[in-house]
Amino acid sequence: MTVDQIADVNGLSLHYRETGPADGTPLIAVHGHPGTAHVWDATAAALEGFRVLAPTLRGYGDSGRPGEYGFALWRDDVFGFADALGLDEFVLLGHSMGGTVCALAASRHPERLKALILEDTVPPKDGMDLPAPKHIQEEPPYDWDVLPAVFDAIRSPDPAWWPDLARITAPTLVVAGGPTSHVPQDLLAEAAALIPGALLVTLEGAGHTPHRDTPERFLAEVRSFLAGLAITPR
């Protein structure tokens, strides 16, 4: 059963979806752009026994839209969210932009993570010139002001992000989607080499969203990784 809830994170309302037993091992799953907590519904249901907590990041979906956005704020919101729920340690999973948020979080407070799972993502390194979406008539599922925060950071990333990967001491799984993903796969390999002890797994043909497009293979890798660390659902 999945329920929608609201967490008060330092005065900011964060929508989240909770799946699984209250006494299950907590796993926080962070969505990418332009998603919301709902992107994890199938994954959460399949991770039976875990307490899967999928927050909707500030500026997205039904979460608060304070007008201030950026990767440092999203990173800090992860820990604010965990604190609001009384979680000292947890598994952290992130896809795409959400994976960058998770990597930054893991480099800031690695001691709070039981494990880190990055799905076809690492923080930007040298910058990429990606065109931001143009305004459309329909209201998108996010505040338009998040776009500069996302795309400016992709074009001109913080130079500390990449070397800070070496500060991640939590056991880490990097799931790569293979050559059909738009994410440079050599960068995923380079990042995995920087994170001490990180395991890199490539799901050939999975593309950028393995949890959605090849769920059985993605879940098999996640379950195997966690089991190898003796991280059980309860």
Protein backbone atom coordinates (compact mmCIF):
# COMPACT_ATOMS: atom_id res chain seq x y z
CA MET A 1 0.00 0.00 0.00
CA THR A 2 1.26 3.47 -0.92
CA VAL A 3 0.10 6.61 0.85
CA ASP A 4 0.63 10.29 0.10
CA GLN A 5 1.93 12.37 2.97
CA ILE A 6 3.43 15.79 3.70
CA ALA A 7 6.60 16.38 5.70
CA ASP A 8 7.51 19.71 7.26
CA VAL A 9 11.16 20.25 6.36
CA ASN A 10 12.34 23.39 8.09
CA GLY A 11 9.10 25.16 7.25
CA LEU A 12 8.92 23.78 3.71
CA SER A 13 6.15 21.34 2.83
CA LEU A 14 7.50 18.30 1.00
CA HIS A 15 5.07 15.84 -0.52
CA TYR A 16 6.16 12.21 -0.34
CA ARG A 17 4.83 8.75 -1.05
CA GLU A 18 5.42 6.00 1.46
CA THR A 19 5.28 2.30 0.61
CA GLY A 20 5.94 -0.67 2.85
CA PRO A 21 5.91 -1.44 6.57
CA ALA A 22 6.76 1.23 9.12
CA ASP A 23 9.40 -1.06 10.62
CA GLY A 24 11.04 -1.82 7.26
CA THR A 25 14.56 -0.69 6.41
CA PRO A 26 14.15 2.91 5.20
CA LEU A 27 15.04 3.63 1.57
CA ILE A 28 14.74 7.19 0.30
CA ALA A 29 14.25 7.38 -3.48
CA VAL A 30 14.83 10.72 -5.23
CA HIS A 31 13.30 11.47 -8.64
CA GLY A 32 14.86 13.31 -11.56
CA HIS A 33 13.62 16.22 -13.67
CA PRO A 34 10.75 16.69 -14.45
CA GLY A 35 9.40 13.91 -12.24
CA THR A 36 7.75 13.61 -8.86
CA ALA A 37 7.59 10.95 -6.17
CA HIS A 38 5.19 8.96 -8.36
CA VAL A 39 7.99 7.79 -10.68
CA TRP A 40 9.04 5.32 -7.99
CA ASP A 41 5.65 3.66 -7.44
CA ALA A 42 6.41 0.41 -9.28
CA THR A 43 9.92 0.17 -7.83
CA ALA A 44 8.64 0.78 -4.31
CA ALA A 45 5.95 -1.87 -4.65
CA ALA A 46 8.53 -4.40 -5.87
CA LEU A 47 10.93 -3.77 -2.98
CA GLU A 48 8.74 -5.71 -0.60
CA GLY A 49 9.50 -5.28 3.08
CA PHE A 50 11.47 -2.06 2.66
CA ARG A 51 10.02 1.21 3.84
CA VAL A 52 10.35 3.19 0.62
CA LEU A 53 10.03 6.94 1.05
CA ALA A 54 9.90 8.94 -2.17
CA PRO A 55 9.93 12.70 -1.63
CA THR A 56 8.91 15.17 -4.30
CA LEU A 57 11.70 17.74 -4.43
CA ARG A 58 11.01 21.38 -3.68
CA GLY A 59 9.63 23.15 -6.72
CA TYR A 60 8.08 19.99 -8.15
CA GLY A 61 4.61 18.47 -8.03
CA ASP A 62 2.75 19.00 -4.77
CA SER A 63 5.78 20.11 -2.77
CA GLY A 64 6.35 23.69 -1.73
CA ARG A 65 7.52 26.18 -4.35
CA PRO A 66 9.49 28.78 -2.39
CA GLY A 67 11.22 30.24 -5.46
CA GLU A 68 14.70 29.32 -4.23
CA TYR A 69 16.21 26.24 -5.90
CA GLY A 70 19.55 24.62 -6.46
CA PHE A 71 21.42 21.39 -5.94
CA ALA A 72 22.75 22.44 -2.55
CA LEU A 73 19.19 23.12 -1.36
CA TRP A 74 17.89 19.83 -2.76
CA ARG A 75 20.83 18.04 -1.13
CA ASP A 76 20.07 19.59 2.24
CA ASP A 77 16.37 18.84 1.83
CA VAL A 78 17.22 15.13 1.67
CA PHE A 79 18.64 15.26 5.18
CA GLY A 80 15.91 17.62 6.35
CA PHE A 81 13.37 15.11 5.08
CA ALA A 82 15.15 12.25 6.85
CA ASP A 83 15.31 14.28 10.07
CA ALA A 84 11.61 15.12 9.84
CA LEU A 85 10.87 11.39 9.71
CA GLY A 86 13.32 10.56 12.49
CA LEU A 87 15.71 8.57 10.27
CA ASP A 88 19.33 8.43 11.39
CA GLU A 89 20.48 6.00 8.67
CA PHE A 90 18.92 4.98 5.40
CA VAL A 91 19.55 3.64 1.91
CA LEU A 92 19.61 6.43 -0.66
CA LEU A 93 18.58 5.90 -4.29
CA GLY A 94 18.55 8.56 -6.99
CA HIS A 95 17.85 8.71 -10.71
CA SER A 96 19.16 11.31 -13.16
CA MET A 97 19.08 14.78 -11.57
CA GLY A 98 17.96 13.10 -8.35
CA GLY A 99 21.05 10.94 -8.50
CA THR A 100 23.22 14.04 -8.61
CA VAL A 101 21.38 15.29 -5.53
CA CYS A 102 22.06 11.95 -3.84
CA ALA A 103 25.75 11.94 -4.77
CA LEU A 104 26.14 15.42 -3.29
CA ALA A 105 24.29 14.30 -0.18
CA ALA A 106 26.50 11.23 0.16
CA SER A 107 29.66 13.30 -0.09
CA ARG A 108 28.38 15.68 2.57
CA HIS A 109 27.21 13.15 5.18
CA PRO A 110 28.34 9.65 4.13
CA GLU A 111 28.01 8.41 7.71
CA ARG A 112 24.23 8.60 7.50
CA LEU A 113 23.90 6.24 4.55
CA LYS A 114 23.60 2.49 4.77
CA ALA A 115 24.15 2.40 1.01
CA LEU A 116 23.99 4.63 -2.06
CA ILE A 117 22.48 3.68 -5.43
CA LEU A 118 23.00 6.00 -8.41
CA GLU A 119 20.89 5.23 -11.47
CA ASP A 120 22.52 6.33 -14.73
CA THR A 121 23.81 9.54 -13.22
CA VAL A 122 26.78 11.34 -11.74
CA PRO A 123 27.29 15.04 -11.01
CA PRO A 124 28.18 17.10 -14.10
CA LYS A 125 31.90 17.40 -14.61
CA ASP A 126 32.95 19.68 -17.47
CA GLY A 127 29.59 21.15 -18.30
CA MET A 128 27.14 20.42 -21.09
CA ASP A 129 25.18 22.94 -23.12
CA LEU A 130 21.69 21.52 -22.92
CA PRO A 131 18.80 23.74 -24.02
CA ALA A 132 16.31 24.43 -21.26
CA PRO A 133 12.65 23.71 -22.04
CA LYS A 134 10.68 26.65 -23.37
CA HIS A 135 7.60 28.01 -21.68
CA ILE A 136 4.42 26.33 -22.84
CA GLN A 137 0.76 27.11 -22.38
CA GLU A 138 0.11 24.10 -20.15
CA GLU A 139 1.31 24.32 -16.56
CA PRO A 140 4.21 21.88 -16.10
CA PRO A 141 4.52 19.72 -12.97
CA TYR A 142 7.19 22.05 -11.57
CA ASP A 143 7.93 25.70 -10.89
CA TRP A 144 9.47 27.32 -13.98
CA ASP A 145 12.11 28.83 -11.68
CA VAL A 146 13.70 25.42 -11.15
CA LEU A 147 14.94 25.41 -14.74
CA PRO A 148 17.83 27.86 -14.28
CA ALA A 149 18.90 25.95 -11.16
CA VAL A 150 19.04 22.69 -13.10
CA PHE A 151 20.36 23.76 -16.48
CA ASP A 152 22.82 26.41 -15.29
CA ALA A 153 24.40 23.81 -13.04
CA ILE A 154 24.67 21.39 -15.96
CA ARG A 155 26.37 24.03 -18.08
CA SER A 156 28.67 25.32 -15.31
CA PRO A 157 28.88 22.75 -12.51
CA ASP A 158 30.52 23.45 -9.18
CA PRO A 159 34.16 22.34 -9.63
CA ALA A 160 34.13 20.75 -6.17
CA TRP A 161 31.42 18.24 -7.04
CA TRP A 162 33.65 15.87 -8.94
CA PRO A 163 36.58 15.55 -6.50
CA ASP A 164 34.09 15.35 -3.62
CA LEU A 165 32.98 11.97 -4.96
CA ALA A 166 36.08 10.57 -3.26
CA ARG A 167 34.53 11.55 0.09
CA ILE A 168 31.71 9.05 -0.33
CA THR A 169 32.40 6.19 2.05
CA ALA A 170 28.98 4.55 1.91
CA PRO A 171 28.81 1.33 -0.13
CA THR A 172 27.82 2.50 -3.60
CA LEU A 173 26.19 0.91 -6.64
CA VAL A 174 26.30 2.81 -9.94
CA VAL A 175 23.78 1.44 -12.45
CA ALA A 176 24.59 2.48 -16.02
CA GLY A 177 22.06 2.26 -18.83
CA GLY A 178 24.55 1.52 -21.62
CA PRO A 179 25.05 3.28 -24.95
CA THR A 180 21.34 3.93 -25.52
CA SER A 181 21.44 6.41 -22.64
CA HIS A 182 22.26 10.05 -23.38
CA VAL A 183 24.51 10.11 -20.30
CA PRO A 184 28.19 9.60 -21.25
CA GLN A 185 28.93 6.11 -20.01
CA ASP A 186 32.65 6.81 -19.70
CA LEU A 187 31.81 9.48 -17.11
CA LEU A 188 29.83 6.94 -15.09
CA ALA A 189 32.84 4.64 -15.12
CA GLU A 190 35.17 7.48 -14.16
CA ALA A 191 32.93 8.51 -11.30
CA ALA A 192 32.61 4.95 -10.03
CA ALA A 193 36.40 4.74 -9.99
CA LEU A 194 36.55 7.86 -7.81
CA ILE A 195 34.06 6.57 -5.23
CA PRO A 196 35.93 4.19 -2.90
CA GLY A 197 34.81 0.61 -3.47
CA ALA A 198 31.93 1.54 -5.79
CA LEU A 199 30.41 -1.18 -7.94
CA LEU A 200 29.57 -0.28 -11.55
CA VAL A 201 26.96 -2.39 -13.34
CA THR A 202 25.94 -1.73 -16.93
CA LEU A 203 22.51 -2.84 -18.09
CA GLU A 204 23.02 -2.95 -21.85
CA GLY A 205 20.09 -1.49 -23.74
CA ALA A 206 18.38 -0.19 -20.62
CA GLY A 207 18.82 3.47 -21.53
CA HIS A 208 18.54 6.36 -19.12
CA THR A 209 15.65 5.01 -17.02
CA PRO A 210 16.35 1.37 -16.15
CA HIS A 211 13.95 1.33 -13.20
CA ARG A 212 11.10 2.07 -15.64
CA ASP A 213 12.21 0.43 -18.88
CA THR A 214 13.98 -2.70 -17.63
CA PRO A 215 12.57 -3.03 -14.10
CA GLU A 216 13.35 -6.71 -13.57
CA ARG A 217 17.03 -6.25 -14.38
CA PHE A 218 17.28 -3.07 -12.34
CA LEU A 219 15.60 -4.62 -9.32
CA ALA A 220 17.76 -7.72 -9.54
CA GLU A 221 20.91 -5.59 -9.30
CA VAL A 222 19.53 -3.51 -6.44
CA ARG A 223 18.43 -6.57 -4.46
CA SER A 224 21.74 -8.35 -5.06
CA PHE A 225 23.74 -5.29 -4.01
CA LEU A 226 21.78 -4.76 -0.80
CA ALA A 227 21.80 -8.46 0.06
CA GLY A 228 25.57 -8.50 -0.35
CA LEU A 229 25.76 -5.81 2.31
CA ALA A 230 23.41 -7.78 4.58
CA ILE A 231 20.84 -4.98 4.21
CA THR A 232 17.54 -6.79 4.51
CA PRO A 233 14.03 -5.38 4.19
CA ARG A 234 13.55 -5.55 7.96
